[in-house]
């Protein structure tokens, strides 16, 4: 293990940035799911309203199954592991 504080700081910063990217993707999916929830509530209150909460939920699910999410998870893990190895 090296004792270079600058390298450790940079590695920790890169790990945090990777986690922030992952968080952004998860936050976007959470917001999409919230929109679907509101659409479903609106439809329950006003059945005549034409809304497609299922399409919105499918979009959220596709986001979770996206290769972008998997890439973000892998990058976050790799950067954290690297930061720990310094």
N, C-alpha and C. Protein backbone atom coordinates (compact mmCIF):
# COMPACT_ATOMS: atom_id res chain seq x y z
N UNK A 1 0.84 -1.20 0.00
CA UNK A 1 0.00 0.00 0.00
C UNK A 1 0.88 1.25 0.00
N UNK A 2 0.45 2.19 -0.76
CA UNK A 2 1.19 3.45 -0.83
C UNK A 2 0.64 4.42 0.21
N UNK A 3 1.44 5.35 0.60
CA UNK A 3 0.97 6.32 1.59
C UNK A 3 0.81 7.71 0.97
N UNK A 4 0.60 7.76 -0.34
CA UNK A 4 0.45 9.02 -1.04
C UNK A 4 -0.96 9.58 -0.81
N UNK A 5 -1.09 10.59 0.04
CA UNK A 5 -2.41 11.14 0.35
C UNK A 5 -3.12 11.73 -0.88
N UNK A 6 -2.35 12.27 -1.81
CA UNK A 6 -2.97 12.86 -3.01
C UNK A 6 -3.61 11.78 -3.87
N UNK A 7 -2.95 10.65 -4.00
CA UNK A 7 -3.52 9.54 -4.79
C UNK A 7 -4.78 9.00 -4.12
N UNK A 8 -4.72 8.88 -2.79
CA UNK A 8 -5.91 8.40 -2.06
C UNK A 8 -7.07 9.37 -2.20
N UNK A 9 -6.76 10.66 -2.11
CA UNK A 9 -7.82 11.68 -2.23
C UNK A 9 -8.44 11.64 -3.62
N UNK A 10 -7.60 11.51 -4.64
CA UNK A 10 -8.10 11.46 -6.02
C UNK A 10 -8.94 10.20 -6.24
N UNK A 11 -8.49 9.09 -5.72
CA UNK A 11 -9.24 7.84 -5.87
C UNK A 11 -10.58 7.92 -5.16
N UNK A 12 -10.59 8.51 -3.98
CA UNK A 12 -11.85 8.68 -3.24
C UNK A 12 -12.79 9.61 -4.00
N UNK A 13 -12.23 10.64 -4.59
CA UNK A 13 -13.05 11.58 -5.37
C UNK A 13 -13.67 10.87 -6.58
N UNK A 14 -12.87 10.07 -7.28
CA UNK A 14 -13.38 9.34 -8.43
C UNK A 14 -14.44 8.32 -8.03
N UNK A 15 -14.27 7.69 -6.88
CA UNK A 15 -15.28 6.75 -6.38
C UNK A 15 -16.58 7.49 -6.09
N UNK A 16 -16.47 8.65 -5.47
CA UNK A 16 -17.66 9.44 -5.17
C UNK A 16 -18.37 9.87 -6.44
N UNK A 17 -17.61 10.29 -7.44
CA UNK A 17 -18.22 10.70 -8.71
C UNK A 17 -18.96 9.54 -9.37
N UNK A 18 -18.38 8.35 -9.30
CA UNK A 18 -19.04 7.16 -9.85
C UNK A 18 -20.33 6.87 -9.10
N UNK A 19 -20.29 7.02 -7.78
CA UNK A 19 -21.50 6.81 -6.98
C UNK A 19 -22.56 7.86 -7.27
N UNK A 20 -22.14 9.09 -7.50
CA UNK A 20 -23.09 10.14 -7.85
C UNK A 20 -23.77 9.85 -9.19
N UNK A 21 -23.03 9.30 -10.13
CA UNK A 21 -23.62 8.93 -11.42
C UNK A 21 -24.65 7.82 -11.22
N UNK A 22 -24.31 6.85 -10.40
CA UNK A 22 -25.24 5.77 -10.09
C UNK A 22 -26.48 6.32 -9.40
N UNK A 23 -26.29 7.21 -8.46
CA UNK A 23 -27.40 7.84 -7.74
C UNK A 23 -28.31 8.59 -8.71
N UNK A 24 -27.72 9.28 -9.66
CA UNK A 24 -28.50 10.03 -10.65
C UNK A 24 -29.43 9.10 -11.42
N UNK A 25 -28.89 7.96 -11.86
CA UNK A 25 -29.71 7.00 -12.59
C UNK A 25 -30.84 6.44 -11.72
N UNK A 26 -30.52 6.13 -10.47
CA UNK A 26 -31.54 5.60 -9.55
C UNK A 26 -32.57 6.68 -9.23
N UNK A 27 -32.12 7.91 -9.03
CA UNK A 27 -33.06 9.02 -8.76
C UNK A 27 -34.01 9.25 -9.94
N UNK A 28 -33.50 9.16 -11.15
CA UNK A 28 -34.35 9.34 -12.33
C UNK A 28 -35.40 8.24 -12.40
N UNK A 29 -35.01 7.01 -12.10
CA UNK A 29 -35.95 5.90 -12.10
C UNK A 29 -36.97 6.05 -10.98
N UNK A 30 -36.53 6.52 -9.84
CA UNK A 30 -37.45 6.77 -8.72
C UNK A 30 -38.47 7.83 -9.10
N UNK A 31 -38.02 8.88 -9.76
CA UNK A 31 -38.94 9.95 -10.18
C UNK A 31 -39.94 9.43 -11.22
N UNK A 32 -39.50 8.61 -12.13
CA UNK A 32 -40.40 8.03 -13.13
C UNK A 32 -41.46 7.16 -12.44
N UNK A 33 -41.04 6.40 -11.46
CA UNK A 33 -41.98 5.56 -10.71
C UNK A 33 -42.98 6.42 -9.94
N UNK A 34 -42.51 7.53 -9.40
CA UNK A 34 -43.39 8.45 -8.69
C UNK A 34 -44.44 9.03 -9.64
N UNK A 35 -44.03 9.37 -10.84
CA UNK A 35 -44.97 9.87 -11.85
C UNK A 35 -46.03 8.81 -12.13
N UNK A 36 -45.62 7.56 -12.27
CA UNK A 36 -46.57 6.47 -12.50
C UNK A 36 -47.54 6.34 -11.33
N UNK A 37 -47.02 6.49 -10.13
CA UNK A 37 -47.88 6.44 -8.94
C UNK A 37 -48.94 7.55 -8.99
N UNK A 38 -48.51 8.75 -9.31
CA UNK A 38 -49.45 9.87 -9.40
C UNK A 38 -50.47 9.66 -10.52
N UNK A 39 -50.02 9.09 -11.62
CA UNK A 39 -50.95 8.80 -12.71
C UNK A 39 -51.99 7.78 -12.27
N UNK A 40 -51.57 6.76 -11.56
CA UNK A 40 -52.50 5.73 -11.09
C UNK A 40 -53.49 6.30 -10.08
N UNK A 41 -53.01 7.17 -9.20
CA UNK A 41 -53.91 7.81 -8.23
C UNK A 41 -54.91 8.69 -8.96
N UNK A 42 -54.43 9.45 -9.93
CA UNK A 42 -55.33 10.30 -10.72
C UNK A 42 -56.39 9.49 -11.43
N UNK A 43 -56.01 8.35 -11.97
CA UNK A 43 -56.97 7.49 -12.65
C UNK A 43 -57.98 6.90 -11.66
N UNK A 44 -57.52 6.57 -10.45
CA UNK A 44 -58.42 6.02 -9.44
C UNK A 44 -59.45 7.06 -9.00
N UNK A 45 -59.03 8.31 -8.93
CA UNK A 45 -59.92 9.38 -8.51
C UNK A 45 -60.86 9.79 -9.63
N UNK A 46 -60.33 9.84 -10.85
CA UNK A 46 -61.13 10.21 -12.04
C UNK A 46 -60.98 9.13 -13.10
N UNK A 47 -61.78 8.09 -13.02
CA UNK A 47 -61.64 6.96 -13.93
C UNK A 47 -61.73 7.32 -15.42
N UNK A 48 -62.39 8.39 -15.76
CA UNK A 48 -62.53 8.77 -17.16
C UNK A 48 -61.26 9.35 -17.75
N UNK A 49 -60.33 9.66 -16.89
CA UNK A 49 -59.07 10.27 -17.32
C UNK A 49 -58.23 9.23 -18.08
N UNK A 50 -57.66 9.63 -19.20
CA UNK A 50 -56.85 8.71 -20.00
C UNK A 50 -55.38 8.86 -19.62
N UNK A 51 -54.90 7.93 -18.82
CA UNK A 51 -53.51 7.94 -18.39
C UNK A 51 -52.98 6.52 -18.53
N UNK A 52 -51.72 6.41 -18.77
CA UNK A 52 -51.14 5.09 -18.88
C UNK A 52 -49.99 4.93 -17.91
N UNK A 53 -50.34 4.66 -16.67
CA UNK A 53 -49.34 4.47 -15.62
C UNK A 53 -48.49 3.23 -15.91
N UNK A 54 -49.06 2.24 -16.57
CA UNK A 54 -48.30 1.02 -16.87
C UNK A 54 -47.14 1.30 -17.82
N UNK A 55 -47.37 2.17 -18.80
CA UNK A 55 -46.29 2.53 -19.71
C UNK A 55 -45.17 3.24 -18.95
N UNK A 56 -45.55 4.09 -18.03
CA UNK A 56 -44.55 4.80 -17.22
C UNK A 56 -43.78 3.83 -16.34
N UNK A 57 -44.48 2.86 -15.76
CA UNK A 57 -43.81 1.84 -14.94
C UNK A 57 -42.87 0.98 -15.79
N UNK A 58 -43.29 0.68 -17.02
CA UNK A 58 -42.41 -0.08 -17.92
C UNK A 58 -41.12 0.70 -18.21
N UNK A 59 -41.27 2.00 -18.37
CA UNK A 59 -40.10 2.85 -18.60
C UNK A 59 -39.14 2.78 -17.41
N UNK A 60 -39.70 2.81 -16.20
CA UNK A 60 -38.87 2.71 -15.00
C UNK A 60 -38.16 1.36 -14.95
N UNK A 61 -38.87 0.30 -15.26
CA UNK A 61 -38.27 -1.04 -15.26
C UNK A 61 -37.16 -1.15 -16.30
N UNK A 62 -37.40 -0.59 -17.47
CA UNK A 62 -36.37 -0.61 -18.52
C UNK A 62 -35.12 0.14 -18.05
N UNK A 63 -35.30 1.20 -17.29
CA UNK A 63 -34.16 1.94 -16.76
C UNK A 63 -33.33 1.06 -15.83
N UNK A 64 -34.01 0.27 -15.00
CA UNK A 64 -33.29 -0.61 -14.07
C UNK A 64 -32.59 -1.75 -14.80
N UNK A 65 -33.15 -2.16 -15.92
CA UNK A 65 -32.54 -3.25 -16.69
C UNK A 65 -31.53 -2.73 -17.71
N UNK A 66 -31.35 -1.45 -17.74
CA UNK A 66 -30.47 -0.81 -18.72
C UNK A 66 -29.01 -1.17 -18.50
N UNK A 67 -28.27 -1.33 -19.59
CA UNK A 67 -26.83 -1.56 -19.45
C UNK A 67 -26.13 -0.35 -18.82
N UNK A 68 -26.73 0.83 -18.94
CA UNK A 68 -26.15 2.03 -18.33
C UNK A 68 -26.11 1.88 -16.80
N UNK A 69 -27.16 1.32 -16.24
CA UNK A 69 -27.19 1.13 -14.79
C UNK A 69 -26.14 0.11 -14.37
N UNK A 70 -26.07 -0.98 -15.11
CA UNK A 70 -25.08 -2.01 -14.77
C UNK A 70 -23.66 -1.46 -14.89
N UNK A 71 -23.42 -0.67 -15.92
CA UNK A 71 -22.11 -0.04 -16.09
C UNK A 71 -21.81 0.89 -14.92
N UNK A 72 -22.79 1.67 -14.50
CA UNK A 72 -22.60 2.59 -13.39
C UNK A 72 -22.30 1.84 -12.10
N UNK A 73 -22.99 0.73 -11.88
CA UNK A 73 -22.73 -0.08 -10.68
C UNK A 73 -21.31 -0.64 -10.73
N UNK A 74 -20.92 -1.18 -11.87
CA UNK A 74 -19.58 -1.75 -12.01
C UNK A 74 -18.50 -0.70 -11.82
N UNK A 75 -18.70 0.48 -12.41
CA UNK A 75 -17.70 1.54 -12.25
C UNK A 75 -17.58 1.97 -10.79
N UNK A 76 -18.72 2.09 -10.11
CA UNK A 76 -18.69 2.49 -8.71
C UNK A 76 -17.93 1.45 -7.88
N UNK A 77 -18.21 0.18 -8.13
CA UNK A 77 -17.50 -0.88 -7.40
C UNK A 77 -16.01 -0.85 -7.69
N UNK A 78 -15.65 -0.73 -8.96
CA UNK A 78 -14.24 -0.71 -9.34
C UNK A 78 -13.50 0.47 -8.70
N UNK A 79 -14.14 1.62 -8.74
CA UNK A 79 -13.48 2.82 -8.19
C UNK A 79 -13.35 2.73 -6.67
N UNK A 80 -14.36 2.18 -6.02
CA UNK A 80 -14.27 1.98 -4.57
C UNK A 80 -13.18 0.97 -4.23
N UNK A 81 -13.13 -0.11 -4.98
CA UNK A 81 -12.10 -1.12 -4.73
C UNK A 81 -10.71 -0.52 -4.94
N UNK A 82 -10.56 0.29 -5.98
CA UNK A 82 -9.28 0.92 -6.24
C UNK A 82 -8.91 1.87 -5.09
N UNK A 83 -9.89 2.65 -4.66
CA UNK A 83 -9.63 3.60 -3.55
C UNK A 83 -9.20 2.85 -2.29
N UNK A 84 -9.78 1.69 -2.07
CA UNK A 84 -9.41 0.89 -0.89
C UNK A 84 -8.03 0.26 -1.03
N UNK A 85 -7.60 0.06 -2.27
CA UNK A 85 -6.32 -0.62 -2.48
C UNK A 85 -5.11 0.30 -2.36
N UNK A 86 -5.36 1.59 -2.33
CA UNK A 86 -4.24 2.56 -2.28
C UNK A 86 -3.78 2.74 -0.83
